[in-house]
């Protein structure tokens, strides 16, 4: 049983890890990979691949550093990009 925004993202072509990470980022604003994994309940060993995938699709941005910080793009913009 997933939140409605997660279901909508799955319907737009994201996998469950990507959808969960994106929703976690929208709730947090700016987060490290470890924080996203904890908030979204995702395995830490997979989170950086998942976040890099979101960045590659233009759904998130990354501020390099130690640790790197990730942010979600605006949901309206993300939906538009997924629909294209």
Protein backbone atom coordinates (compact mmCIF):
# COMPACT_ATOMS: atom_id res chain seq x y z
CA UNK A 1 0.00 0.00 0.00
CA UNK A 2 1.84 3.05 -1.31
CA UNK A 3 1.23 6.77 -1.00
CA UNK A 4 -0.71 8.16 -4.00
CA UNK A 5 2.27 10.19 -5.22
CA UNK A 6 4.39 7.02 -5.35
CA UNK A 7 1.72 5.22 -7.38
CA UNK A 8 1.52 8.17 -9.78
CA UNK A 9 5.32 8.09 -10.29
CA UNK A 10 5.20 4.34 -10.94
CA UNK A 11 2.53 4.97 -13.56
CA UNK A 12 4.87 7.53 -15.17
CA UNK A 13 7.63 4.95 -15.57
CA UNK A 14 9.77 5.14 -12.44
CA UNK A 15 10.61 1.95 -10.57
CA UNK A 16 9.61 1.60 -6.91
CA UNK A 17 13.07 2.60 -5.60
CA UNK A 18 13.19 5.71 -7.82
CA UNK A 19 9.65 6.71 -6.85
CA UNK A 20 10.37 6.22 -3.15
CA UNK A 21 13.61 8.18 -3.31
CA UNK A 22 11.97 11.03 -5.25
CA UNK A 23 9.09 11.28 -2.76
CA UNK A 24 11.59 11.25 0.13
CA UNK A 25 13.52 14.11 -1.50
CA UNK A 26 10.38 16.18 -2.03
CA UNK A 27 9.53 15.76 1.67
CA UNK A 28 13.03 16.54 2.90
CA UNK A 29 14.04 19.26 0.44
CA UNK A 30 17.76 18.44 0.53
CA UNK A 31 19.28 15.23 1.80
CA UNK A 32 22.28 12.93 1.72
CA UNK A 33 22.00 9.47 0.22
CA UNK A 34 21.93 7.91 3.68
CA UNK A 35 19.06 10.21 4.73
CA UNK A 36 17.07 9.37 1.59
CA UNK A 37 17.61 5.64 2.17
CA UNK A 38 16.38 5.98 5.76
CA UNK A 39 13.34 8.15 4.93
CA UNK A 40 12.31 6.01 1.95
CA UNK A 41 13.10 2.68 3.60
CA UNK A 42 15.45 1.73 0.76
CA UNK A 43 18.65 -0.34 1.01
CA UNK A 44 21.67 1.91 1.54
CA UNK A 45 23.82 -0.13 -0.83
CA UNK A 46 21.46 0.72 -3.72
CA UNK A 47 20.61 4.35 -2.90
CA UNK A 48 23.43 6.04 -4.82
CA UNK A 49 22.57 4.15 -8.02
CA UNK A 50 18.95 5.13 -7.55
CA UNK A 51 19.77 8.80 -6.87
CA UNK A 52 22.21 8.95 -9.80
CA UNK A 53 19.41 7.59 -11.99
CA UNK A 54 17.09 10.37 -10.82
CA UNK A 55 19.81 12.96 -11.52
CA UNK A 56 20.39 11.42 -14.96
CA UNK A 57 16.69 11.71 -15.79
CA UNK A 58 16.61 15.34 -14.64
CA UNK A 59 14.37 14.58 -11.66
CA UNK A 60 16.94 15.50 -9.01
CA UNK A 61 20.08 17.58 -8.66
CA UNK A 62 23.25 16.80 -6.74
CA UNK A 63 25.65 19.07 -4.89
CA UNK A 64 28.96 17.18 -4.99
CA UNK A 65 30.91 16.91 -1.78
CA UNK A 66 31.42 14.65 1.17
CA UNK A 67 28.64 13.92 1.69
CA UNK A 68 26.85 14.81 -1.54
CA UNK A 69 23.43 16.42 -1.11
CA UNK A 70 20.51 15.64 -3.38
CA UNK A 71 17.41 17.71 -4.09
CA UNK A 72 14.26 16.89 -6.06
CA UNK A 73 13.24 19.11 -8.95
CA UNK A 74 9.80 20.69 -8.68
CA UNK A 75 7.13 17.95 -8.93
CA UNK A 76 5.23 19.77 -11.72
CA UNK A 77 8.44 19.96 -13.74
CA UNK A 78 9.24 16.31 -13.01
CA UNK A 79 5.80 15.14 -14.18
CA UNK A 80 6.15 17.17 -17.38
CA UNK A 81 9.54 15.58 -18.10
CA UNK A 82 8.22 12.07 -17.41
CA UNK A 83 5.27 12.62 -19.73
CA UNK A 84 7.53 13.77 -22.63
